[in-house]
Structures are given as C-alpha cells and as structure tokens.
Amino acid sequence: MEEFSVIYKILKILKDTMDLEELDNNLLSPEELRLSVPKWSRIMALMVKEGYITGVEVWNSMSCGYPRVSLTRPEITLKGLEYLEQNSLMKKAANIAKGIKDTIPGI
C-alpha cells in the first residue's frame, strides 16, 4: 500500500505545481520522498508506462537491475488527474464509512 501513497503524493505535487513556470525537480527526488533510488526509479517508470506522467525519460541499463530515470520536465497527465480524483473520492468515502461505524453502536 505504501507504493500507492507514493504515487498519490507524486501526482499531488505535480498537480499542485501546475501554476509554476518551472518545477523544482528536487520535490520529486528519492531523498525528498524518502525512497531508495531503485524503488523510486521503478515507481517513476511505472507511472510513465501507465500514462500518469510525462516529461520523464526511462531506460534500462546494463549496469544496474532497475530502470534508470531522468526528470526532464515532469508533468501530470489527464489520466494522472483522474487517478487523483478517483482516489480522493475513495478516501472521502472510506472516512465517511469509518465515521458512521464509529458513531453507530453494533456496526
């Protein structure tokens, strides 16, 4: 589940910075997201492959066992925005359900 939280966080950063002329790529760094480089690389590669983000170069390297990633000009796509919207609605529904369960005895 941690991976989904990281994906959500990356997409949220890209959405929240859409008004900026230039994104500080350090906001998306493995260090800032508290991830190992291999895990960060795999998550970024997955997000590119699924069409959630653009402006990221991904290639396989013979020297390491994970994809290599370079942030050229990362941006969220329409599909990425849809992912954020769907997941925020699910979080709200889960919180509402939890609140109902906490307030009604016997559920």
Protein backbone atom coordinates (compact mmCIF):
# COMPACT_ATOMS: atom_id res chain seq x y z
CA MET A 1 0.00 0.00 0.00
CA GLU A 2 2.96 2.33 0.55
CA GLU A 3 3.52 2.45 -3.21
CA PHE A 4 0.02 3.80 -3.83
CA SER A 5 0.62 6.54 -1.26
CA VAL A 6 3.86 7.49 -3.02
CA ILE A 7 2.13 7.56 -6.42
CA TYR A 8 -0.63 9.74 -4.96
CA LYS A 9 1.95 12.07 -3.38
CA ILE A 10 3.93 12.48 -6.61
CA LEU A 11 0.79 13.18 -8.62
CA LYS A 12 -0.42 15.64 -5.98
CA ILE A 13 2.90 17.51 -6.12
CA LEU A 14 2.66 17.73 -9.92
CA LYS A 15 -0.96 18.90 -9.75
CA ASP A 16 -0.24 21.50 -7.06
CA THR A 17 2.69 22.94 -9.03
CA MET A 18 0.86 23.32 -12.36
CA ASP A 19 0.74 27.10 -11.91
CA LEU A 20 4.52 27.37 -11.59
CA GLU A 21 6.59 28.30 -14.61
CA GLU A 22 9.21 25.74 -13.63
CA LEU A 23 9.05 22.80 -11.26
CA ASP A 24 11.83 22.22 -8.75
CA ASN A 25 12.68 18.59 -9.54
CA ASN A 26 14.04 18.18 -6.01
CA LEU A 27 10.42 17.97 -4.84
CA LEU A 28 10.25 14.62 -6.64
CA SER A 29 13.67 13.30 -5.64
CA PRO A 30 14.10 9.93 -3.93
CA GLU A 31 15.54 11.74 -0.90
CA GLU A 32 12.57 14.12 -0.61
CA LEU A 33 10.11 11.23 -0.96
CA ARG A 34 12.18 9.10 1.44
CA LEU A 35 12.63 6.24 -1.04
CA SER A 36 15.56 4.18 -2.16
CA VAL A 37 16.75 5.01 -5.68
CA PRO A 38 15.71 1.58 -7.05
CA LYS A 39 12.18 1.87 -5.62
CA TRP A 40 11.82 5.48 -6.75
CA SER A 41 13.03 4.53 -10.24
CA ARG A 42 10.58 1.66 -10.52
CA ILE A 43 7.65 3.78 -9.33
CA MET A 44 8.52 6.61 -11.73
CA ALA A 45 8.90 4.13 -14.62
CA LEU A 46 5.54 2.59 -13.74
CA MET A 47 3.84 5.99 -13.69
CA VAL A 48 5.26 6.83 -17.13
CA LYS A 49 4.21 3.43 -18.50
CA GLU A 50 0.68 3.82 -17.13
CA GLY A 51 0.40 7.31 -18.64
CA TYR A 52 0.07 9.24 -15.35
CA ILE A 53 3.06 11.50 -16.02
CA THR A 54 5.12 12.82 -18.92
CA GLY A 55 8.47 14.58 -19.14
CA VAL A 56 10.38 11.69 -17.62
CA GLU A 57 12.93 9.64 -19.53
CA VAL A 58 13.17 5.95 -18.64
CA TRP A 59 15.69 3.46 -19.98
CA ASN A 60 17.14 0.12 -18.97
CA SER A 61 20.78 -0.01 -18.05
CA MET A 62 23.15 -2.95 -18.21
CA SER A 63 24.93 -1.66 -15.10
CA CYS A 64 22.01 -1.89 -12.65
CA GLY A 65 18.97 -4.07 -12.13
CA TYR A 66 16.38 -1.30 -12.13
CA PRO A 67 15.23 1.29 -14.69
CA ARG A 68 17.23 4.49 -15.00
CA VAL A 69 15.16 7.66 -14.75
CA SER A 70 15.81 11.27 -15.68
CA LEU A 71 13.36 14.06 -14.92
CA THR A 72 13.37 16.37 -17.92
CA ARG A 73 10.14 18.29 -17.40
CA PRO A 74 7.71 16.18 -15.35
CA GLU A 75 4.03 16.96 -15.72
CA ILE A 76 0.82 15.27 -14.68
CA THR A 77 -1.42 13.97 -17.48
CA LEU A 78 -5.20 13.89 -17.70
CA LYS A 79 -5.05 10.23 -16.67
CA GLY A 80 -2.97 11.25 -13.65
CA LEU A 81 -5.53 13.89 -12.69
CA GLU A 82 -8.28 11.28 -12.99
CA TYR A 83 -6.29 8.94 -10.72
CA LEU A 84 -6.03 11.69 -8.09
CA GLU A 85 -9.74 12.47 -8.30
CA GLN A 86 -10.83 8.85 -8.00
CA ASN A 87 -8.53 8.17 -5.08
CA SER A 88 -9.53 11.29 -3.20
CA LEU A 89 -13.21 10.33 -3.60
CA MET A 90 -12.44 6.82 -2.30
CA LYS A 91 -10.59 8.30 0.70
CA LYS A 92 -13.55 10.55 1.49
CA ALA A 93 -15.96 7.60 1.23
CA ALA A 94 -13.73 5.48 3.49
CA ASN A 95 -13.55 8.29 6.06
CA ILE A 96 -17.33 8.72 5.98
CA ALA A 97 -17.85 4.96 6.40
CA LYS A 98 -15.38 4.92 9.30
CA GLY A 99 -17.19 7.85 10.91
CA ILE A 100 -20.55 6.10 10.58
CA LYS A 101 -19.10 2.91 12.06
CA ASP A 102 -17.61 4.85 14.99
CA THR A 103 -20.87 6.66 15.79
CA ILE A 104 -23.37 3.82 15.41
CA PRO A 105 -23.04 1.07 18.02
CA GLY A 106 -23.17 -2.51 16.81
CA ILE A 107 -21.73 -1.90 13.31
